[in-house]
PDB file of N, CA and C in Angstrom:
ATOM      1  N   MET A   1      95.635 104.311  97.659  1.00  0.00           N
ATOM      2  CA  MET A   1      97.032 104.677  97.727  1.00  0.00           C
ATOM      3  C   MET A   1      97.478 105.249  96.392  1.00  0.00           C
ATOM      4  N   HIS A   2      98.516 106.029  96.438  1.00  0.00           N
ATOM      5  CA  HIS A   2      99.018 106.621  95.211  1.00  0.00           C
ATOM      6  C   HIS A   2     100.503 106.324  95.070  1.00  0.00           C
ATOM      7  N   ASP A   3     100.996 106.477  93.851  1.00  0.00           N
ATOM      8  CA  ASP A   3     102.407 106.187  93.576  1.00  0.00           C
ATOM      9  C   ASP A   3     103.248 107.449  93.507  1.00  0.00           C
ATOM     10  N   LYS A   4     102.694 108.568  93.908  1.00  0.00           N
ATOM     11  CA  LYS A   4     103.416 109.833  93.854  1.00  0.00           C
ATOM     12  C   LYS A   4     104.530 109.866  94.892  1.00  0.00           C
ATOM     13  N   ILE A   5     105.670 110.371  94.501  1.00  0.00           N
ATOM     14  CA  ILE A   5     106.790 110.514  95.423  1.00  0.00           C
ATOM     15  C   ILE A   5     106.897 111.981  95.810  1.00  0.00           C
ATOM     16  N   ASP A   6     106.897 112.244  97.104  1.00  0.00           N
ATOM     17  CA  ASP A   6     107.071 113.597  97.610  1.00  0.00           C
ATOM     18  C   ASP A   6     108.523 113.775  98.027  1.00  0.00           C
ATOM     19  N   PHE A   7     109.198 114.742  97.456  1.00  0.00           N
ATOM     20  CA  PHE A   7     110.567 115.033  97.816  1.00  0.00           C
ATOM     21  C   PHE A   7     110.568 116.143  98.851  1.00  0.00           C
ATOM     22  N   TRP A   8     111.199 115.891  99.989  1.00  0.00           N
ATOM     23  CA  TRP A   8     111.242 116.869 101.069  1.00  0.00           C
ATOM     24  C   TRP A   8     112.408 117.822 100.914  1.00  0.00           C
ATOM     25  N   LEU A   9     113.414 117.415 100.169  1.00  0.00           N
ATOM     26  CA  LEU A   9     114.613 118.237  99.972  1.00  0.00           C
ATOM     27  C   LEU A   9     114.893 118.398  98.491  1.00  0.00           C
ATOM     28  N   THR A  10     115.452 119.528  98.143  1.00  0.00           N
ATOM     29  CA  THR A  10     115.901 119.719  96.758  1.00  0.00           C
ATOM     30  C   THR A  10     117.246 119.026  96.600  1.00  0.00           C
ATOM     31  N   GLU A  11     117.689 118.857  95.367  1.00  0.00           N
ATOM     32  CA  GLU A  11     119.005 118.241  95.123  1.00  0.00           C
ATOM     33  C   GLU A  11     120.098 119.052  95.818  1.00  0.00           C
ATOM     34  N   GLN A  12     119.982 120.369  95.795  1.00  0.00           N
ATOM     35  CA  GLN A  12     120.984 121.214  96.446  1.00  0.00           C
ATOM     36  C   GLN A  12     120.951 121.041  97.962  1.00  0.00           C
ATOM     37  N   ASP A  13     119.748 120.932  98.529  1.00  0.00           N
ATOM     38  CA  ASP A  13     119.635 120.678  99.969  1.00  0.00           C
ATOM     39  C   ASP A  13     120.386 119.409 100.349  1.00  0.00           C
ATOM     40  N   ILE A  14     120.224 118.382  99.547  1.00  0.00           N
ATOM     41  CA  ILE A  14     120.886 117.106  99.812  1.00  0.00           C
ATOM     42  C   ILE A  14     122.402 117.265  99.733  1.00  0.00           C
ATOM     43  N   LEU A  15     122.878 117.960  98.728  1.00  0.00           N
ATOM     44  CA  LEU A  15     124.323 118.171  98.575  1.00  0.00           C
ATOM     45  C   LEU A  15     124.899 118.983  99.734  1.00  0.00           C
ATOM     46  N   ASP A  16     124.095 119.840 100.323  1.00  0.00           N
ATOM     47  CA  ASP A  16     124.554 120.693 101.423  1.00  0.00           C
ATOM     48  C   ASP A  16     124.631 119.964 102.770  1.00  0.00           C
ATOM     49  N   ILE A  17     124.074 118.777 102.870  1.00  0.00           N
ATOM     50  CA  ILE A  17     124.125 118.013 104.118  1.00  0.00           C
ATOM     51  C   ILE A  17     125.522 117.417 104.258  1.00  0.00           C
ATOM     52  N   TYR A  18     126.189 117.699 105.380  1.00  0.00           N
ATOM     53  CA  TYR A  18     127.588 117.315 105.541  1.00  0.00           C
ATOM     54  C   TYR A  18     127.818 115.811 105.443  1.00  0.00           C
ATOM     55  N   SER A  19     126.830 115.009 105.827  1.00  0.00           N
ATOM     56  CA  SER A  19     127.007 113.555 105.794  1.00  0.00           C
ATOM     57  C   SER A  19     126.468 112.912 104.514  1.00  0.00           C
ATOM     58  N   ASN A  20     126.098 113.738 103.554  1.00  0.00           N
ATOM     59  CA  ASN A  20     125.499 113.250 102.313  1.00  0.00           C
ATOM     60  C   ASN A  20     126.336 112.174 101.637  1.00  0.00           C
ATOM     61  N   GLN A  21     127.615 112.398 101.476  1.00  0.00           N
ATOM     62  CA  GLN A  21     128.456 111.434 100.774  1.00  0.00           C
ATOM     63  C   GLN A  21     128.548 110.120 101.539  1.00  0.00           C
ATOM     64  N   TYR A  22     128.615 110.191 102.853  1.00  0.00           N
ATOM     65  CA  TYR A  22     128.726 108.977 103.657  1.00  0.00           C
ATOM     66  C   TYR A  22     127.495 108.084 103.504  1.00  0.00           C
ATOM     67  N   TRP A  23     126.323 108.677 103.545  1.00  0.00           N
ATOM     68  CA  TRP A  23     125.090 107.890 103.508  1.00  0.00           C
ATOM     69  C   TRP A  23     124.606 107.572 102.105  1.00  0.00           C
ATOM     70  N   ASN A  24     125.135 108.212 101.097  1.00  0.00           N
ATOM     71  CA  ASN A  24     124.620 108.027  99.746  1.00  0.00           C
ATOM     72  C   ASN A  24     125.635 107.443  98.778  1.00  0.00           C
ATOM     73  N   ASP A  25     126.685 106.877  99.287  1.00  0.00           N
ATOM     74  CA  ASP A  25     127.681 106.215  98.443  1.00  0.00           C
ATOM     75  C   ASP A  25     127.343 104.726  98.425  1.00  0.00           C
ATOM     76  N   GLU A  26     126.816 104.253  97.316  1.00  0.00           N
ATOM     77  CA  GLU A  26     126.351 102.872  97.216  1.00  0.00           C
ATOM     78  C   GLU A  26     127.455 101.865  97.524  1.00  0.00           C
ATOM     79  N   GLU A  27     128.664 102.137  97.093  1.00  0.00           N
ATOM     80  CA  GLU A  27     129.761 101.207  97.364  1.00  0.00           C
ATOM     81  C   GLU A  27     130.074 101.130  98.865  1.00  0.00           C
ATOM     82  N   LYS A  28     130.026 102.247  99.561  1.00  0.00           N
ATOM     83  CA  LYS A  28     130.236 102.234 101.014  1.00  0.00           C
ATOM     84  C   LYS A  28     129.093 101.505 101.712  1.00  0.00           C
ATOM     85  N   GLU A  29     127.879 101.681 101.210  1.00  0.00           N
ATOM     86  CA  GLU A  29     126.719 101.030 101.809  1.00  0.00           C
ATOM     87  C   GLU A  29     126.837  99.509 101.711  1.00  0.00           C
ATOM     88  N   LYS A  30     127.354  99.006 100.612  1.00  0.00           N
ATOM     89  CA  LYS A  30     127.465  97.561 100.410  1.00  0.00           C
ATOM     90  C   LYS A  30     128.325  96.895 101.478  1.00  0.00           C
ATOM     91  N   ALA A  31     129.254  97.620 102.063  1.00  0.00           N
ATOM     92  CA  ALA A  31     130.149  97.059 103.069  1.00  0.00           C
ATOM     93  C   ALA A  31     129.527  97.040 104.466  1.00  0.00           C
ATOM     94  N   LYS A  32     128.397  97.705 104.645  1.00  0.00           N
ATOM     95  CA  LYS A  32     127.772  97.803 105.965  1.00  0.00           C
ATOM     96  C   LYS A  32     126.931  96.557 106.262  1.00  0.00           C
ATOM     97  N   ALA A  33     126.911  96.174 107.520  1.00  0.00           N
ATOM     98  CA  ALA A  33     126.204  94.955 107.934  1.00  0.00           C
ATOM     99  C   ALA A  33     124.723  95.001 107.569  1.00  0.00           C
ATOM    100  N   TRP A  34     124.114  96.151 107.614  1.00  0.00           N
ATOM    101  CA  TRP A  34     122.675  96.262 107.368  1.00  0.00           C
ATOM    102  C   TRP A  34     122.325  96.435 105.898  1.00  0.00           C
ATOM    103  N   TYR A  35     123.302  96.258 105.009  1.00  0.00           N
ATOM    104  CA  TYR A  35     123.028  96.317 103.568  1.00  0.00           C
ATOM    105  C   TYR A  35     122.431  94.972 103.154  1.00  0.00           C
ATOM    106  N   ILE A  36     121.129  94.862 103.275  1.00  0.00           N
ATOM    107  CA  ILE A  36     120.426  93.609 102.990  1.00  0.00           C
ATOM    108  C   ILE A  36     119.316  93.923 102.000  1.00  0.00           C
ATOM    109  N   ILE A  37     119.619  93.839 100.724  1.00  0.00           N
ATOM    110  CA  ILE A  37     118.585  94.137  99.734  1.00  0.00           C
ATOM    111  C   ILE A  37     118.222  92.917  98.897  1.00  0.00           C
ATOM    112  N   ASP A  38     118.712  91.754  99.309  1.00  0.00           N
ATOM    113  CA  ASP A  38     118.427  90.540  98.549  1.00  0.00           C
ATOM    114  C   ASP A  38     117.170  89.822  99.035  1.00  0.00           C
ATOM    115  N   GLY A  39     116.453  90.429  99.995  1.00  0.00           N
ATOM    116  CA  GLY A  39     115.230  89.825 100.502  1.00  0.00           C
ATOM    117  C   GLY A  39     115.469  88.720 101.518  1.00  0.00           C
ATOM    118  N   ASN A  40     116.695  88.586 102.004  1.00  0.00           N
ATOM    119  CA  ASN A  40     117.035  87.531 102.942  1.00  0.00           C
ATOM    120  C   ASN A  40     116.615  87.943 104.359  1.00  0.00           C
ATOM    121  N   ALA A  41     115.393  87.586 104.728  1.00  0.00           N
ATOM    122  CA  ALA A  41     114.858  87.974 106.035  1.00  0.00           C
ATOM    123  C   ALA A  41     115.648  87.341 107.171  1.00  0.00           C
ATOM    124  N   ASP A  42     116.151  86.126 106.973  1.00  0.00           N
ATOM    125  CA  ASP A  42     116.928  85.475 108.028  1.00  0.00           C
ATOM    126  C   ASP A  42     118.187  86.277 108.356  1.00  0.00           C
ATOM    127  N   LYS A  43     118.837  86.796 107.332  1.00  0.00           N
ATOM    128  CA  LYS A  43     120.038  87.615 107.525  1.00  0.00           C
ATOM    129  C   LYS A  43     119.671  88.886 108.302  1.00  0.00           C
ATOM    130  N   LEU A  44     118.544  89.494 107.933  1.00  0.00           N
ATOM    131  CA  LEU A  44     118.080  90.699 108.620  1.00  0.00           C
ATOM    132  C   LEU A  44     117.767  90.410 110.083  1.00  0.00           C
ATOM    133  N   ILE A  45     117.044  89.333 110.348  1.00  0.00           N
ATOM    134  CA  ILE A  45     116.677  88.998 111.720  1.00  0.00           C
ATOM    135  C   ILE A  45     117.919  88.706 112.558  1.00  0.00           C
ATOM    136  N   LYS A  46     118.887  87.992 111.987  1.00  0.00           N
ATOM    137  CA  LYS A  46     120.129  87.706 112.703  1.00  0.00           C
ATOM    138  C   LYS A  46     120.854  89.011 113.038  1.00  0.00           C
ATOM    139  N   LEU A  47     120.916  89.919 112.088  1.00  0.00           N
ATOM    140  CA  LEU A  47     121.553  91.210 112.332  1.00  0.00           C
ATOM    141  C   LEU A  47     120.843  91.959 113.462  1.00  0.00           C
ATOM    142  N   LEU A  48     119.528  92.043 113.378  1.00  0.00           N
ATOM    143  CA  LEU A  48     118.764  92.764 114.394  1.00  0.00           C
ATOM    144  C   LEU A  48     118.940  92.132 115.778  1.00  0.00           C
ATOM    145  N   LYS A  49     118.975  90.813 115.816  1.00  0.00           N
ATOM    146  CA  LYS A  49     119.102  90.097 117.087  1.00  0.00           C
ATOM    147  C   LYS A  49     120.500  90.226 117.676  1.00  0.00           C
ATOM    148  N   ASP A  50     121.530  90.077 116.841  1.00  0.00           N
ATOM    149  CA  ASP A  50     122.913  90.016 117.322  1.00  0.00           C
ATOM    150  C   ASP A  50     123.597  91.369 117.470  1.00  0.00           C
ATOM    151  N   GLN A  51     123.183  92.356 116.665  1.00  0.00           N
ATOM    152  CA  GLN A  51     123.945  93.598 116.621  1.00  0.00           C
ATOM    153  C   GLN A  51     123.147  94.840 116.983  1.00  0.00           C
ATOM    154  N   THR A  52     121.864  94.689 117.266  1.00  0.00           N
ATOM    155  CA  THR A  52     121.052  95.860 117.612  1.00  0.00           C
ATOM    156  C   THR A  52     120.107  95.512 118.757  1.00  0.00           C
ATOM    157  N   THR A  53     119.312  96.467 119.122  1.00  0.00           N
ATOM    158  CA  THR A  53     118.231  96.245 120.087  1.00  0.00           C
ATOM    159  C   THR A  53     116.873  96.437 119.407  1.00  0.00           C
ATOM    160  N   CYS A  54     116.820  96.216 118.097  1.00  0.00           N
ATOM    161  CA  CYS A  54     115.633  96.550 117.308  1.00  0.00           C
ATOM    162  C   CYS A  54     114.774  95.352 116.903  1.00  0.00           C
ATOM    163  N   LEU A  55     115.113  94.152 117.335  1.00  0.00           N
ATOM    164  CA  LEU A  55     114.351  92.980 116.893  1.00  0.00           C
ATOM    165  C   LEU A  55     112.884  93.079 117.303  1.00  0.00           C
ATOM    166  N   GLU A  56     112.616  93.503 118.525  1.00  0.00           N
ATOM    167  CA  GLU A  56     111.226  93.602 118.994  1.00  0.00           C
ATOM    168  C   GLU A  56     110.432  94.598 118.146  1.00  0.00           C
ATOM    169  N   GLU A  57     111.048  95.720 117.798  1.00  0.00           N
ATOM    170  CA  GLU A  57     110.370  96.711 116.959  1.00  0.00           C
ATOM    171  C   GLU A  57     110.079  96.139 115.578  1.00  0.00           C
ATOM    172  N   PHE A  58     111.043  95.403 115.028  1.00  0.00           N
ATOM    173  CA  PHE A  58     110.855  94.764 113.724  1.00  0.00           C
ATOM    174  C   PHE A  58     109.662  93.807 113.779  1.00  0.00           C
ATOM    175  N   GLU A  59     109.619  92.975 114.820  1.00  0.00           N
ATOM    176  CA  GLU A  59     108.513  92.032 114.958  1.00  0.00           C
ATOM    177  C   GLU A  59     107.176  92.753 115.122  1.00  0.00           C
ATOM    178  N   ASP A  60     107.179  93.873 115.842  1.00  0.00           N
ATOM    179  CA  ASP A  60     105.952  94.671 116.001  1.00  0.00           C
ATOM    180  C   ASP A  60     105.467  95.207 114.663  1.00  0.00           C
ATOM    181  N   ILE A  61     106.396  95.642 113.822  1.00  0.00           N
ATOM    182  CA  ILE A  61     106.024  96.155 112.500  1.00  0.00           C
ATOM    183  C   ILE A  61     105.411  95.056 111.649  1.00  0.00           C
ATOM    184  N   ILE A  62     106.004  93.862 111.698  1.00  0.00           N
ATOM    185  CA  ILE A  62     105.460  92.729 110.940  1.00  0.00           C
ATOM    186  C   ILE A  62     104.040  92.403 111.411  1.00  0.00           C
ATOM    187  N   LYS A  63     103.841  92.356 112.722  1.00  0.00           N
ATOM    188  CA  LYS A  63     102.508  92.070 113.266  1.00  0.00           C
ATOM    189  C   LYS A  63     101.499  93.143 112.864  1.00  0.00           C
ATOM    190  N   LEU A  64     101.903  94.405 112.994  1.00  0.00           N
ATOM    191  CA  LEU A  64     100.998  95.504 112.657  1.00  0.00           C
ATOM    192  C   LEU A  64     100.625  95.487 111.175  1.00  0.00           C
ATOM    193  N   SER A  65     101.601  95.220 110.317  1.00  0.00           N
ATOM    194  CA  SER A  65     101.302  95.188 108.879  1.00  0.00           C
ATOM    195  C   SER A  65     100.299  94.086 108.569  1.00  0.00           C
ATOM    196  N   GLY A  66     100.404  92.948 109.267  1.00  0.00           N
ATOM    197  CA  GLY A  66      99.440  91.869 109.078  1.00  0.00           C
ATOM    198  C   GLY A  66      98.057  92.258 109.569  1.00  0.00           C
ATOM    199  N   THR A  67      98.006  92.903 110.720  1.00  0.00           N
ATOM    200  CA  THR A  67      96.733  93.353 111.282  1.00  0.00           C
ATOM    201  C   THR A  67      96.038  94.340 110.349  1.00  0.00           C
ATOM    202  N   LEU A  68      96.827  95.218 109.741  1.00  0.00           N
ATOM    203  CA  LEU A  68      96.265  96.243 108.850  1.00  0.00           C
ATOM    204  C   LEU A  68      96.177  95.786 107.394  1.00  0.00           C
ATOM    205  N   CYS A  69      96.571  94.535 107.140  1.00  0.00           N
ATOM    206  CA  CYS A  69      96.573  93.976 105.780  1.00  0.00           C
ATOM    207  C   CYS A  69      97.415  94.827 104.832  1.00  0.00           C
ATOM    208  N   LEU A  70      98.563  95.276 105.325  1.00  0.00           N
ATOM    209  CA  LEU A  70      99.485  96.078 104.521  1.00  0.00           C
ATOM    210  C   LEU A  70     100.671  95.232 104.091  1.00  0.00           C
ATOM    211  N   GLU A  71     101.048  95.373 102.838  1.00  0.00           N
ATOM    212  CA  GLU A  71     102.208  94.659 102.319  1.00  0.00           C
ATOM    213  C   GLU A  71     103.456  95.491 102.592  1.00  0.00           C
ATOM    214  N   ILE A  72     104.467  94.855 103.127  1.00  0.00           N
ATOM    215  CA  ILE A  72     105.746  95.525 103.334  1.00  0.00           C
ATOM    216  C   ILE A  72     106.577  95.297 102.089  1.00  0.00           C
ATOM    217  N   LYS A  73     107.007  96.384 101.463  1.00  0.00           N
ATOM    218  CA  LYS A  73     107.791  96.269 100.241  1.00  0.00           C
ATOM    219  C   LYS A  73     108.643  97.497 100.063  1.00  0.00           C
ATOM    220  N   GLY A  74     109.548  97.441  99.133  1.00  0.00           N
ATOM    221  CA  GLY A  74     110.381  98.588  98.820  1.00  0.00           C
ATOM    222  C   GLY A  74     111.790  98.416  99.325  1.00  0.00           C
ATOM    223  N   VAL A  75     112.578  99.431  99.102  1.00  0.00           N
ATOM    224  CA  VAL A  75     113.974  99.445  99.521  1.00  0.00           C
ATOM    225  C   VAL A  75     114.127 100.569 100.529  1.00  0.00           C
ATOM    226  N   GLY A  76     114.726 100.240 101.674  1.00  0.00           N
ATOM    227  CA  GLY A  76     114.894 101.253 102.702  1.00  0.00           C
ATOM    228  C   GLY A  76     116.321 101.476 103.062  1.00  0.00           C
TER     229      GLY A  76
END
């Protein structure tokens, strides 16, 4: 594996996206239910279970990462 980051968009491309400010304003993100960056998996699972239909997909990803011996990390 490598640590290289590939950028798909230029800074100008990002600025030209009409929803750029909505999705990239850290203060607005903090108010959203899915803003979970403290590593609290229980909070994430509760959110997925109560407010989405994505819990099964989340569990599938956890199982697959274990099968492939891949560590899940980073900020998404």
